[in-house]
Amino acid sequence: MTFKKFFPALLLGGVLVTQPASGKVFLKVSQGELPPARAMGVSDLVFVWPVGNDSLLNRANALGYHVFLEAAPGDLSLVADAAEKANAVGVIFDAGTWIARLVKTYCGVRRVLTPNCRFLS
């Protein structure tokens, strides 16, 4: 098979095999003034735990943002309870550590206990 015949077949096969991709933008914020969600163009905010002022979470919810809390796996229980009280959409944690399996197991249990709160890793 010559290159002239092989290349179009390879190109066509590559186009047919590709998967569509999408992404989600999370904006990590600290304390400060927040514009309404429509003005920012981003609707998902991430606050690093511990949040010094709970009124900041309430204000972000009132402005139309989806609030997430970011925490270390060791703080997951505290953060899950705080997220539920603050009406947060979910909790974000880094599961790339040596206790990743333990955290994923714990999240499975927490998903049953708090079905309205999402856990992202």
PDB file of N, CA and C in Angstrom:
ATOM      1  N   MET A   1       0.851  -1.164   0.000  1.00  0.00           N
ATOM      2  CA  MET A   1       0.000   0.000   0.000  1.00  0.00           C
ATOM      3  C   MET A   1       0.897   1.227   0.000  1.00  0.00           C
ATOM      4  N   THR A   2       0.623   2.133  -0.892  1.00  0.00           N
ATOM      5  CA  THR A   2       1.439   3.335  -0.979  1.00  0.00           C
ATOM      6  C   THR A   2       0.954   4.371   0.028  1.00  0.00           C
ATOM      7  N   PHE A   3       1.777   5.353   0.244  1.00  0.00           N
ATOM      8  CA  PHE A   3       1.452   6.412   1.200  1.00  0.00           C
ATOM      9  C   PHE A   3       0.226   7.196   0.743  1.00  0.00           C
ATOM     10  N   LYS A   4       0.082   7.400  -0.570  1.00  0.00           N
ATOM     11  CA  LYS A   4      -1.054   8.171  -1.093  1.00  0.00           C
ATOM     12  C   LYS A   4      -2.381   7.473  -0.812  1.00  0.00           C
ATOM     13  N   LYS A   5      -2.385   6.166  -0.750  1.00  0.00           N
ATOM     14  CA  LYS A   5      -3.609   5.436  -0.453  1.00  0.00           C
ATOM     15  C   LYS A   5      -3.806   5.285   1.062  1.00  0.00           C
ATOM     16  N   PHE A   6      -2.707   5.165   1.789  1.00  0.00           N
ATOM     17  CA  PHE A   6      -2.780   4.925   3.225  1.00  0.00           C
ATOM     18  C   PHE A   6      -3.172   6.185   4.003  1.00  0.00           C
ATOM     19  N   PHE A   7      -2.643   7.340   3.626  1.00  0.00           N
ATOM     20  CA  PHE A   7      -2.879   8.564   4.377  1.00  0.00           C
ATOM     21  C   PHE A   7      -4.349   8.966   4.417  1.00  0.00           C
ATOM     22  N   PRO A   8      -5.099   9.000   3.315  1.00  0.00           N
ATOM     23  CA  PRO A   8      -6.528   9.345   3.402  1.00  0.00           C
ATOM     24  C   PRO A   8      -7.329   8.373   4.278  1.00  0.00           C
ATOM     25  N   ALA A   9      -6.984   7.078   4.204  1.00  0.00           N
ATOM     26  CA  ALA A   9      -7.674   6.112   5.054  1.00  0.00           C
ATOM     27  C   ALA A   9      -7.360   6.362   6.524  1.00  0.00           C
ATOM     28  N   LEU A  10      -6.135   6.685   6.823  1.00  0.00           N
ATOM     29  CA  LEU A  10      -5.735   6.999   8.191  1.00  0.00           C
ATOM     30  C   LEU A  10      -6.427   8.263   8.682  1.00  0.00           C
ATOM     31  N   LEU A  11      -6.486   9.276   7.861  1.00  0.00           N
ATOM     32  CA  LEU A  11      -7.147  10.530   8.214  1.00  0.00           C
ATOM     33  C   LEU A  11      -8.638  10.310   8.447  1.00  0.00           C
ATOM     34  N   LEU A  12      -9.300   9.584   7.586  1.00  0.00           N
ATOM     35  CA  LEU A  12     -10.719   9.293   7.744  1.00  0.00           C
ATOM     36  C   LEU A  12     -10.975   8.467   9.002  1.00  0.00           C
ATOM     37  N   GLY A  13     -10.127   7.491   9.262  1.00  0.00           N
ATOM     38  CA  GLY A  13     -10.264   6.682  10.475  1.00  0.00           C
ATOM     39  C   GLY A  13     -10.075   7.513  11.731  1.00  0.00           C
ATOM     40  N   GLY A  14      -9.158   8.456  11.704  1.00  0.00           N
ATOM     41  CA  GLY A  14      -8.947   9.333  12.853  1.00  0.00           C
ATOM     42  C   GLY A  14     -10.133  10.236  13.116  1.00  0.00           C
ATOM     43  N   VAL A  15     -10.773  10.701  12.069  1.00  0.00           N
ATOM     44  CA  VAL A  15     -11.948  11.556  12.226  1.00  0.00           C
ATOM     45  C   VAL A  15     -13.122  10.753  12.775  1.00  0.00           C
ATOM     46  N   LEU A  16     -13.291   9.529  12.316  1.00  0.00           N
ATOM     47  CA  LEU A  16     -14.414   8.719  12.752  1.00  0.00           C
ATOM     48  C   LEU A  16     -14.262   8.225  14.194  1.00  0.00           C
ATOM     49  N   VAL A  17     -13.029   8.100  14.669  1.00  0.00           N
ATOM     50  CA  VAL A  17     -12.784   7.536  15.988  1.00  0.00           C
ATOM     51  C   VAL A  17     -12.780   8.606  17.089  1.00  0.00           C
ATOM     52  N   THR A  18     -12.650   9.864  16.750  1.00  0.00           N
ATOM     53  CA  THR A  18     -12.529  10.908  17.770  1.00  0.00           C
ATOM     54  C   THR A  18     -13.777  10.992  18.632  1.00  0.00           C
ATOM     55  N   GLN A  19     -13.564  11.349  19.879  1.00  0.00           N
ATOM     56  CA  GLN A  19     -14.650  11.493  20.846  1.00  0.00           C
ATOM     57  C   GLN A  19     -14.894  12.980  21.089  1.00  0.00           C
ATOM     58  N   PRO A  20     -16.153  13.374  21.203  1.00  0.00           N
ATOM     59  CA  PRO A  20     -16.414  14.768  21.549  1.00  0.00           C
ATOM     60  C   PRO A  20     -15.969  15.035  22.985  1.00  0.00           C
ATOM     61  N   ALA A  21     -15.569  16.255  23.242  1.00  0.00           N
ATOM     62  CA  ALA A  21     -15.098  16.608  24.584  1.00  0.00           C
ATOM     63  C   ALA A  21     -15.822  17.850  25.068  1.00  0.00           C
ATOM     64  N   SER A  22     -15.973  17.930  26.355  1.00  0.00           N
ATOM     65  CA  SER A  22     -16.551  19.131  26.953  1.00  0.00           C
ATOM     66  C   SER A  22     -15.859  19.360  28.282  1.00  0.00           C
ATOM     67  N   GLY A  23     -16.061  20.505  28.837  1.00  0.00           N
ATOM     68  CA  GLY A  23     -15.415  20.832  30.097  1.00  0.00           C
ATOM     69  C   GLY A  23     -16.299  21.728  30.937  1.00  0.00           C
ATOM     70  N   LYS A  24     -15.892  21.921  32.156  1.00  0.00           N
ATOM     71  CA  LYS A  24     -16.616  22.771  33.079  1.00  0.00           C
ATOM     72  C   LYS A  24     -15.603  23.687  33.735  1.00  0.00           C
ATOM     73  N   VAL A  25     -15.947  24.958  33.866  1.00  0.00           N
ATOM     74  CA  VAL A  25     -15.055  25.947  34.447  1.00  0.00           C
ATOM     75  C   VAL A  25     -15.471  26.205  35.887  1.00  0.00           C
ATOM     76  N   PHE A  26     -14.519  26.051  36.797  1.00  0.00           N
ATOM     77  CA  PHE A  26     -14.723  26.371  38.204  1.00  0.00           C
ATOM     78  C   PHE A  26     -13.828  27.555  38.534  1.00  0.00           C
ATOM     79  N   LEU A  27     -14.378  28.572  39.158  1.00  0.00           N
ATOM     80  CA  LEU A  27     -13.621  29.753  39.535  1.00  0.00           C
ATOM     81  C   LEU A  27     -13.346  29.695  41.026  1.00  0.00           C
ATOM     82  N   LYS A  28     -12.062  29.625  41.396  1.00  0.00           N
ATOM     83  CA  LYS A  28     -11.685  29.595  42.808  1.00  0.00           C
ATOM     84  C   LYS A  28     -11.584  31.039  43.283  1.00  0.00           C
ATOM     85  N   VAL A  29     -12.311  31.354  44.344  1.00  0.00           N
ATOM     86  CA  VAL A  29     -12.350  32.725  44.838  1.00  0.00           C
ATOM     87  C   VAL A  29     -11.968  32.754  46.308  1.00  0.00           C
ATOM     88  N   SER A  30     -11.536  33.919  46.732  1.00  0.00           N
ATOM     89  CA  SER A  30     -11.311  34.172  48.153  1.00  0.00           C
ATOM     90  C   SER A  30     -12.298  35.265  48.553  1.00  0.00           C
ATOM     91  N   GLN A  31     -12.163  35.754  49.734  1.00  0.00           N
ATOM     92  CA  GLN A  31     -13.119  36.756  50.195  1.00  0.00           C
ATOM     93  C   GLN A  31     -12.980  38.026  49.373  1.00  0.00           C
ATOM     94  N   GLY A  32     -14.092  38.607  49.056  1.00  0.00           N
ATOM     95  CA  GLY A  32     -14.118  39.828  48.276  1.00  0.00           C
ATOM     96  C   GLY A  32     -15.499  40.035  47.683  1.00  0.00           C
ATOM     97  N   GLU A  33     -15.628  41.088  46.931  1.00  0.00           N
ATOM     98  CA  GLU A  33     -16.909  41.400  46.307  1.00  0.00           C
ATOM     99  C   GLU A  33     -17.121  40.518  45.079  1.00  0.00           C
ATOM    100  N   LEU A  34     -18.333  40.050  44.912  1.00  0.00           N
ATOM    101  CA  LEU A  34     -18.682  39.203  43.774  1.00  0.00           C
ATOM    102  C   LEU A  34     -19.766  39.885  42.950  1.00  0.00           C
ATOM    103  N   PRO A  35     -19.573  39.955  41.635  1.00  0.00           N
ATOM    104  CA  PRO A  35     -20.658  40.440  40.784  1.00  0.00           C
ATOM    105  C   PRO A  35     -21.690  39.332  40.596  1.00  0.00           C
ATOM    106  N   PRO A  36     -22.869  39.646  40.076  1.00  0.00           N
ATOM    107  CA  PRO A  36     -23.854  38.591  39.797  1.00  0.00           C
ATOM    108  C   PRO A  36     -23.288  37.558  38.815  1.00  0.00           C
ATOM    109  N   ALA A  37     -23.813  36.332  38.901  1.00  0.00           N
ATOM    110  CA  ALA A  37     -23.306  35.228  38.075  1.00  0.00           C
ATOM    111  C   ALA A  37     -23.436  35.530  36.586  1.00  0.00           C
ATOM    112  N   ARG A  38     -24.502  36.199  36.187  1.00  0.00           N
ATOM    113  CA  ARG A  38     -24.681  36.516  34.758  1.00  0.00           C
ATOM    114  C   ARG A  38     -23.591  37.444  34.254  1.00  0.00           C
ATOM    115  N   ALA A  39     -23.119  38.365  35.097  1.00  0.00           N
ATOM    116  CA  ALA A  39     -22.085  39.307  34.677  1.00  0.00           C
ATOM    117  C   ALA A  39     -20.731  38.618  34.514  1.00  0.00           C
ATOM    118  N   MET A  40     -20.473  37.580  35.299  1.00  0.00           N
ATOM    119  CA  MET A  40     -19.192  36.877  35.234  1.00  0.00           C
ATOM    120  C   MET A  40     -19.121  35.897  34.072  1.00  0.00           C
ATOM    121  N   GLY A  41     -20.224  35.273  33.733  1.00  0.00           N
ATOM    122  CA  GLY A  41     -20.214  34.247  32.700  1.00  0.00           C
ATOM    123  C   GLY A  41     -19.772  32.893  33.239  1.00  0.00           C
ATOM    124  N   VAL A  42     -19.486  32.821  34.530  1.00  0.00           N
ATOM    125  CA  VAL A  42     -19.115  31.583  35.208  1.00  0.00           C
ATOM    126  C   VAL A  42     -20.085  31.400  36.349  1.00  0.00           C
ATOM    127  N   SER A  43     -20.677  30.218  36.450  1.00  0.00           N
ATOM    128  CA  SER A  43     -21.697  30.035  37.479  1.00  0.00           C
ATOM    129  C   SER A  43     -21.238  29.144  38.629  1.00  0.00           C
ATOM    130  N   ASP A  44     -20.048  28.546  38.541  1.00  0.00           N
ATOM    131  CA  ASP A  44     -19.565  27.643  39.573  1.00  0.00           C
ATOM    132  C   ASP A  44     -18.386  28.265  40.309  1.00  0.00           C
ATOM    133  N   LEU A  45     -18.550  28.495  41.616  1.00  0.00           N
ATOM    134  CA  LEU A  45     -17.493  29.061  42.442  1.00  0.00           C
ATOM    135  C   LEU A  45     -16.974  28.016  43.416  1.00  0.00           C
ATOM    136  N   VAL A  46     -15.676  28.045  43.652  1.00  0.00           N
ATOM    137  CA  VAL A  46     -15.037  27.128  44.593  1.00  0.00           C
ATOM    138  C   VAL A  46     -14.420  27.949  45.716  1.00  0.00           C
ATOM    139  N   PHE A  47     -14.795  27.620  46.948  1.00  0.00           N
ATOM    140  CA  PHE A  47     -14.213  28.245  48.125  1.00  0.00           C
ATOM    141  C   PHE A  47     -13.364  27.207  48.840  1.00  0.00           C
ATOM    142  N   VAL A  48     -12.144  27.600  49.234  1.00  0.00           N
ATOM    143  CA  VAL A  48     -11.238  26.693  49.928  1.00  0.00           C
ATOM    144  C   VAL A  48     -11.662  26.624  51.390  1.00  0.00           C
ATOM    145  N   TRP A  49     -11.761  25.394  51.905  1.00  0.00           N
ATOM    146  CA  TRP A  49     -12.133  25.171  53.294  1.00  0.00           C
ATOM    147  C   TRP A  49     -10.899  25.357  54.174  1.00  0.00           C
ATOM    148  N   PRO A  50     -10.982  25.996  55.299  1.00  0.00           N
ATOM    149  CA  PRO A  50     -12.167  26.578  55.923  1.00  0.00           C
ATOM    150  C   PRO A  50     -12.447  27.973  55.387  1.00  0.00           C
ATOM    151  N   VAL A  51     -13.703  28.249  55.180  1.00  0.00           N
ATOM    152  CA  VAL A  51     -14.139  29.567  54.744  1.00  0.00           C
ATOM    153  C   VAL A  51     -14.296  30.408  56.007  1.00  0.00           C
ATOM    154  N   GLY A  52     -13.627  31.530  56.034  1.00  0.00           N
ATOM    155  CA  GLY A  52     -13.638  32.350  57.233  1.00  0.00           C
ATOM    156  C   GLY A  52     -15.001  32.941  57.556  1.00  0.00           C
ATOM    157  N   ASN A  53     -15.802  33.193  56.541  1.00  0.00           N
ATOM    158  CA  ASN A  53     -17.068  33.888  56.748  1.00  0.00           C
ATOM    159  C   ASN A  53     -18.178  33.133  56.010  1.00  0.00           C
ATOM    160  N   ASP A  54     -19.101  32.553  56.767  1.00  0.00           N
ATOM    161  CA  ASP A  54     -20.193  31.806  56.134  1.00  0.00           C
ATOM    162  C   ASP A  54     -21.133  32.701  55.348  1.00  0.00           C
ATOM    163  N   SER A  55     -21.166  33.985  55.673  1.00  0.00           N
ATOM    164  CA  SER A  55     -22.047  34.887  54.928  1.00  0.00           C
ATOM    165  C   SER A  55     -21.593  35.037  53.481  1.00  0.00           C
ATOM    166  N   LEU A  56     -20.304  34.797  53.226  1.00  0.00           N
ATOM    167  CA  LEU A  56     -19.806  34.838  51.850  1.00  0.00           C
ATOM    168  C   LEU A  56     -20.450  33.742  51.006  1.00  0.00           C
ATOM    169  N   LEU A  57     -20.620  32.547  51.590  1.00  0.00           N
ATOM    170  CA  LEU A  57     -21.295  31.452  50.883  1.00  0.00           C
ATOM    171  C   LEU A  57     -22.756  31.790  50.624  1.00  0.00           C
ATOM    172  N   ASN A  58     -23.413  32.364  51.609  1.00  0.00           N
ATOM    173  CA  ASN A  58     -24.820  32.754  51.436  1.00  0.00           C
ATOM    174  C   ASN A  58     -24.966  33.844  50.382  1.00  0.00           C
ATOM    175  N   ARG A  59     -24.040  34.797  50.373  1.00  0.00           N
ATOM    176  CA  ARG A  59     -24.090  35.876  49.381  1.00  0.00           C
ATOM    177  C   ARG A  59     -23.869  35.320  47.971  1.00  0.00           C
ATOM    178  N   ALA A  60     -22.940  34.358  47.821  1.00  0.00           N
ATOM    179  CA  ALA A  60     -22.695  33.758  46.507  1.00  0.00           C
ATOM    180  C   ALA A  60     -23.927  32.998  46.030  1.00  0.00           C
ATOM    181  N   ASN A  61     -24.591  32.282  46.933  1.00  0.00           N
ATOM    182  CA  ASN A  61     -25.843  31.603  46.558  1.00  0.00           C
ATOM    183  C   ASN A  61     -26.896  32.601  46.128  1.00  0.00           C
ATOM    184  N   ALA A  62     -27.012  33.713  46.844  1.00  0.00           N
ATOM    185  CA  ALA A  62     -28.015  34.732  46.517  1.00  0.00           C
ATOM    186  C   ALA A  62     -27.737  35.396  45.172  1.00  0.00           C
ATOM    187  N   LEU A  63     -26.464  35.462  44.779  1.00  0.00           N
ATOM    188  CA  LEU A  63     -26.106  36.071  43.491  1.00  0.00           C
ATOM    189  C   LEU A  63     -26.263  35.105  42.320  1.00  0.00           C
ATOM    190  N   GLY A  64     -26.664  33.863  42.598  1.00  0.00           N
ATOM    191  CA  GLY A  64     -26.929  32.909  41.531  1.00  0.00           C
ATOM    192  C   GLY A  64     -25.797  31.955  41.220  1.00  0.00           C
ATOM    193  N   TYR A  65     -24.782  31.895  42.063  1.00  0.00           N
ATOM    194  CA  TYR A  65     -23.659  30.982  41.830  1.00  0.00           C
ATOM    195  C   TYR A  65     -23.961  29.600  42.388  1.00  0.00           C
ATOM    196  N   HIS A  66     -23.338  28.580  41.797  1.00  0.00           N
ATOM    197  CA  HIS A  66     -23.319  27.232  42.348  1.00  0.00           C
ATOM    198  C   HIS A  66     -22.054  27.157  43.198  1.00  0.00           C
ATOM    199  N   VAL A  67     -22.206  26.942  44.477  1.00  0.00           N
ATOM    200  CA  VAL A  67     -21.083  26.989  45.409  1.00  0.00           C
ATOM    201  C   VAL A  67     -20.544  25.585  45.650  1.00  0.00           C
ATOM    202  N   PHE A  68     -19.224  25.436  45.537  1.00  0.00           N
ATOM    203  CA  PHE A  68     -18.511  24.209  45.863  1.00  0.00           C
ATOM    204  C   PHE A  68     -17.501  24.536  46.948  1.00  0.00           C
ATOM    205  N   LEU A  69     -17.230  23.595  47.813  1.00  0.00           N
ATOM    206  CA  LEU A  69     -16.187  23.740  48.822  1.00  0.00           C
ATOM    207  C   LEU A  69     -15.043  22.796  48.483  1.00  0.00           C
ATOM    208  N   GLU A  70     -13.804  23.297  48.558  1.00  0.00           N
ATOM    209  CA  GLU A  70     -12.623  22.479  48.289  1.00  0.00           C
ATOM    210  C   GLU A  70     -11.959  22.137  49.613  1.00  0.00           C
ATOM    211  N   ALA A  71     -11.627  20.867  49.787  1.00  0.00           N
ATOM    212  CA  ALA A  71     -11.029  20.445  51.045  1.00  0.00           C
ATOM    213  C   ALA A  71     -10.066  19.293  50.843  1.00  0.00           C
ATOM    214  N   ALA A  72      -9.213  19.118  51.833  1.00  0.00           N
ATOM    215  CA  ALA A  72      -8.328  17.961  51.863  1.00  0.00           C
ATOM    216  C   ALA A  72      -9.156  16.747  52.259  1.00  0.00           C
ATOM    217  N   PRO A  73      -8.747  15.557  51.856  1.00  0.00           N
ATOM    218  CA  PRO A  73      -9.521  14.361  52.193  1.00  0.00           C
ATOM    219  C   PRO A  73      -9.737  14.159  53.691  1.00  0.00           C
ATOM    220  N   GLY A  74      -8.826  14.623  54.529  1.00  0.00           N
ATOM    221  CA  GLY A  74      -8.987  14.475  55.964  1.00  0.00           C
ATOM    222  C   GLY A  74     -10.102  15.327  56.536  1.00  0.00           C
ATOM    223  N   ASP A  75     -10.445  16.410  55.848  1.00  0.00           N
ATOM    224  CA  ASP A  75     -11.506  17.317  56.302  1.00  0.00           C
ATOM    225  C   ASP A  75     -12.850  17.011  55.669  1.00  0.00           C
ATOM    226  N   LEU A  76     -12.936  15.910  54.957  1.00  0.00           N
ATOM    227  CA  LEU A  76     -14.114  15.636  54.142  1.00  0.00           C
ATOM    228  C   LEU A  76     -15.405  15.569  54.951  1.00  0.00           C
ATOM    229  N   SER A  77     -15.372  14.975  56.113  1.00  0.00           N
ATOM    230  CA  SER A  77     -16.578  14.853  56.928  1.00  0.00           C
ATOM    231  C   SER A  77     -17.076  16.225  57.378  1.00  0.00           C
ATOM    232  N   LEU A  78     -16.165  17.058  57.859  1.00  0.00           N
ATOM    233  CA  LEU A  78     -16.545  18.409  58.288  1.00  0.00           C
ATOM    234  C   LEU A  78     -17.066  19.234  57.122  1.00  0.00           C
ATOM    235  N   VAL A  79     -16.385  19.133  55.992  1.00  0.00           N
ATOM    236  CA  VAL A  79     -16.761  19.928  54.827  1.00  0.00           C
ATOM    237  C   VAL A  79     -18.102  19.473  54.256  1.00  0.00           C
ATOM    238  N   ALA A  80     -18.362  18.176  54.268  1.00  0.00           N
ATOM    239  CA  ALA A  80     -19.646  17.685  53.764  1.00  0.00           C
ATOM    240  C   ALA A  80     -20.797  18.223  54.606  1.00  0.00           C
ATOM    241  N   ASP A  81     -20.620  18.248  55.916  1.00  0.00           N
ATOM    242  CA  ASP A  81     -21.659  18.809  56.785  1.00  0.00           C
ATOM    243  C   ASP A  81     -21.810  20.304  56.561  1.00  0.00           C
ATOM    244  N   ALA A  82     -20.690  21.015  56.435  1.00  0.00           N
ATOM    245  CA  ALA A  82     -20.736  22.459  56.191  1.00  0.00           C
ATOM    246  C   ALA A  82     -21.362  22.766  54.833  1.00  0.00           C
ATOM    247  N   ALA A  83     -21.068  21.944  53.832  1.00  0.00           N
ATOM    248  CA  ALA A  83     -21.636  22.154  52.496  1.00  0.00           C
ATOM    249  C   ALA A  83     -23.143  21.982  52.513  1.00  0.00           C
ATOM    250  N   GLU A  84     -23.604  21.020  53.280  1.00  0.00           N
ATOM    251  CA  GLU A  84     -25.045  20.803  53.372  1.00  0.00           C
ATOM    252  C   GLU A  84     -25.723  21.975  54.076  1.00  0.00           C
ATOM    253  N   LYS A  85     -25.115  22.485  55.131  1.00  0.00           N
ATOM    254  CA  LYS A  85     -25.680  23.631  55.860  1.00  0.00           C
ATOM    255  C   LYS A  85     -25.666  24.903  55.020  1.00  0.00           C
ATOM    256  N   ALA A  86     -24.631  25.062  54.195  1.00  0.00           N
ATOM    257  CA  ALA A  86     -24.491  26.269  53.376  1.00  0.00           C
ATOM    258  C   ALA A  86     -25.214  26.166  52.047  1.00  0.00           C
ATOM    259  N   ASN A  87     -25.931  25.066  51.832  1.00  0.00           N
ATOM    260  CA  ASN A  87     -26.648  24.849  50.575  1.00  0.00           C
ATOM    261  C   ASN A  87     -25.687  24.836  49.376  1.00  0.00           C
ATOM    262  N   ALA A  88     -24.501  24.263  49.589  1.00  0.00           N
ATOM    263  CA  ALA A  88     -23.508  24.157  48.523  1.00  0.00           C
ATOM    264  C   ALA A  88     -23.897  23.018  47.579  1.00  0.00           C
ATOM    265  N   VAL A  89     -23.474  23.145  46.337  1.00  0.00           N
ATOM    266  CA  VAL A  89     -23.774  22.134  45.330  1.00  0.00           C
ATOM    267  C   VAL A  89     -22.924  20.891  45.540  1.00  0.00           C
ATOM    268  N   GLY A  90     -21.685  21.073  46.002  1.00  0.00           N
ATOM    269  CA  GLY A  90     -20.829  19.905  46.161  1.00  0.00           C
ATOM    270  C   GLY A  90     -19.514  20.217  46.830  1.00  0.00           C
ATOM    271  N   VAL A  91     -18.683  19.192  46.919  1.00  0.00           N
ATOM    272  CA  VAL A  91     -17.370  19.263  47.542  1.00  0.00           C
ATOM    273  C   VAL A  91     -16.333  18.796  46.523  1.00  0.00           C
ATOM    274  N   ILE A  92     -15.238  19.518  46.435  1.00  0.00           N
ATOM    275  CA  ILE A  92     -14.151  19.153  45.528  1.00  0.00           C
ATOM    276  C   ILE A  92     -12.943  18.772  46.379  1.00  0.00           C
ATOM    277  N   PHE A  93     -12.322  17.647  46.069  1.00  0.00           N
ATOM    278  CA  PHE A  93     -11.113  17.226  46.774  1.00  0.00           C
ATOM    279  C   PHE A  93     -10.165  16.564  45.800  1.00  0.00           C
ATOM    280  N   ASP A  94      -8.905  16.497  46.197  1.00  0.00           N
ATOM    281  CA  ASP A  94      -7.875  15.877  45.381  1.00  0.00           C
ATOM    282  C   ASP A  94      -7.729  14.423  45.809  1.00  0.00           C
ATOM    283  N   ALA A  95      -8.201  13.515  44.994  1.00  0.00           N
ATOM    284  CA  ALA A  95      -8.126  12.089  45.323  1.00  0.00           C
ATOM    285  C   ALA A  95      -6.858  11.443  44.799  1.00  0.00           C
ATOM    286  N   GLY A  96      -5.882  12.224  44.394  1.00  0.00           N
ATOM    287  CA  GLY A  96      -4.654  11.672  43.849  1.00  0.00           C
ATOM    288  C   GLY A  96      -3.632  11.316  44.908  1.00  0.00           C
ATOM    289  N   THR A  97      -4.006  11.297  46.158  1.00  0.00           N
ATOM    290  CA  THR A  97      -3.076  10.986  47.230  1.00  0.00           C
ATOM    291  C   THR A  97      -3.106   9.498  47.534  1.00  0.00           C
ATOM    292  N   TRP A  98      -2.350   9.094  48.523  1.00  0.00           N
ATOM    293  CA  TRP A  98      -2.253   7.677  48.880  1.00  0.00           C
ATOM    294  C   TRP A  98      -3.518   7.153  49.524  1.00  0.00           C
ATOM    295  N   ILE A  99      -4.432   8.015  49.953  1.00  0.00           N
ATOM    296  CA  ILE A  99      -5.675   7.541  50.557  1.00  0.00           C
ATOM    297  C   ILE A  99      -6.855   7.673  49.594  1.00  0.00           C
ATOM    298  N   ALA A 100      -6.558   7.677  48.306  1.00  0.00           N
ATOM    299  CA  ALA A 100      -7.601   7.887  47.309  1.00  0.00           C
ATOM    300  C   ALA A 100      -8.712   6.836  47.399  1.00  0.00           C
ATOM    301  N   ARG A 101      -8.349   5.576  47.598  1.00  0.00           N
ATOM    302  CA  ARG A 101      -9.375   4.529  47.680  1.00  0.00           C
ATOM    303  C   ARG A 101     -10.267   4.713  48.896  1.00  0.00           C
ATOM    304  N   LEU A 102      -9.685   5.109  50.006  1.00  0.00           N
ATOM    305  CA  LEU A 102     -10.469   5.353  51.209  1.00  0.00           C
ATOM    306  C   LEU A 102     -11.439   6.504  51.002  1.00  0.00           C
ATOM    307  N   VAL A 103     -10.974   7.561  50.381  1.00  0.00           N
ATOM    308  CA  VAL A 103     -11.825   8.721  50.131  1.00  0.00           C
ATOM    309  C   VAL A 103     -12.962   8.363  49.188  1.00  0.00           C
ATOM    310  N   LYS A 104     -12.665   7.624  48.147  1.00  0.00           N
ATOM    311  CA  LYS A 104     -13.714   7.240  47.203  1.00  0.00           C
ATOM    312  C   LYS A 104     -14.758   6.351  47.872  1.00  0.00           C
ATOM    313  N   THR A 105     -14.331   5.480  48.769  1.00  0.00           N
ATOM    314  CA  THR A 105     -15.278   4.656  49.516  1.00  0.00           C
ATOM    315  C   THR A 105     -16.137   5.522  50.416  1.00  0.00           C
ATOM    316  N   TYR A 106     -15.508   6.468  51.097  1.00  0.00           N
ATOM    317  CA  TYR A 106     -16.237   7.371  51.983  1.00  0.00           C
ATOM    318  C   TYR A 106     -17.245   8.197  51.186  1.00  0.00           C
ATOM    319  N   CYS A 107     -16.850   8.644  50.002  1.00  0.00           N
ATOM    320  CA  CYS A 107     -17.761   9.442  49.179  1.00  0.00           C
ATOM    321  C   CYS A 107     -18.967   8.614  48.748  1.00  0.00           C
ATOM    322  N   GLY A 108     -18.754   7.346  48.497  1.00  0.00           N
ATOM    323  CA  GLY A 108     -19.892   6.493  48.155  1.00  0.00           C
ATOM    324  C   GLY A 108     -20.887   6.432  49.291  1.00  0.00           C
ATOM    325  N   VAL A 109     -20.378   6.358  50.521  1.00  0.00           N
ATOM    326  CA  VAL A 109     -21.262   6.355  51.687  1.00  0.00           C
ATOM    327  C   VAL A 109     -21.933   7.705  51.848  1.00  0.00           C
ATOM    328  N   ARG A 110     -21.171   8.789  51.696  1.00  0.00           N
ATOM    329  CA  ARG A 110     -21.745  10.133  51.846  1.00  0.00           C
ATOM    330  C   ARG A 110     -22.783  10.420  50.757  1.00  0.00           C
ATOM    331  N   ARG A 111     -22.594   9.885  49.561  1.00  0.00           N
ATOM    332  CA  ARG A 111     -23.578  10.091  48.497  1.00  0.00           C
ATOM    333  C   ARG A 111     -24.928   9.506  48.881  1.00  0.00           C
ATOM    334  N   VAL A 112     -24.898   8.404  49.597  1.00  0.00           N
ATOM    335  CA  VAL A 112     -26.153   7.797  50.064  1.00  0.00           C
ATOM    336  C   VAL A 112     -26.765   8.659  51.155  1.00  0.00           C
ATOM    337  N   LEU A 113     -25.929   9.188  52.050  1.00  0.00           N
ATOM    338  CA  LEU A 113     -26.426   9.978  53.181  1.00  0.00           C
ATOM    339  C   LEU A 113     -26.854  11.385  52.767  1.00  0.00           C
ATOM    340  N   THR A 114     -26.157  11.990  51.827  1.00  0.00           N
ATOM    341  CA  THR A 114     -26.491  13.344  51.364  1.00  0.00           C
ATOM    342  C   THR A 114     -26.604  13.332  49.842  1.00  0.00           C
ATOM    343  N   PRO A 115     -27.744  12.881  49.308  1.00  0.00           N
ATOM    344  CA  PRO A 115     -27.862  12.725  47.851  1.00  0.00           C
ATOM    345  C   PRO A 115     -27.879  14.049  47.082  1.00  0.00           C
ATOM    346  N   ASN A 116     -28.126  15.181  47.745  1.00  0.00           N
ATOM    347  CA  ASN A 116     -28.185  16.465  47.044  1.00  0.00           C
ATOM    348  C   ASN A 116     -26.816  17.118  46.896  1.00  0.00           C
ATOM    349  N   CYS A 117     -25.798  16.520  47.487  1.00  0.00           N
ATOM    350  CA  CYS A 117     -24.455  17.102  47.462  1.00  0.00           C
ATOM    351  C   CYS A 117     -23.555  16.235  46.596  1.00  0.00           C
ATOM    352  N   ARG A 118     -22.934  16.819  45.586  1.00  0.00           N
ATOM    353  CA  ARG A 118     -22.037  16.077  44.695  1.00  0.00           C
ATOM    354  C   ARG A 118     -20.609  16.133  45.214  1.00  0.00           C
ATOM    355  N   PHE A 119     -19.854  15.065  44.995  1.00  0.00           N
ATOM    356  CA  PHE A 119     -18.459  14.994  45.372  1.00  0.00           C
ATOM    357  C   PHE A 119     -17.640  14.827  44.095  1.00  0.00           C
ATOM    358  N   LEU A 120     -16.705  15.757  43.846  1.00  0.00           N
ATOM    359  CA  LEU A 120     -15.863  15.710  42.651  1.00  0.00           C
ATOM    360  C   LEU A 120     -14.435  15.453  43.070  1.00  0.00           C
ATOM    361  N   SER A 121     -13.745  14.641  42.299  1.00  0.00           N
ATOM    362  CA  SER A 121     -12.330  14.391  42.611  1.00  0.00           C
ATOM    363  C   SER A 121     -11.496  14.622  41.371  1.00  0.00           C
TER     364      SER A 121
END
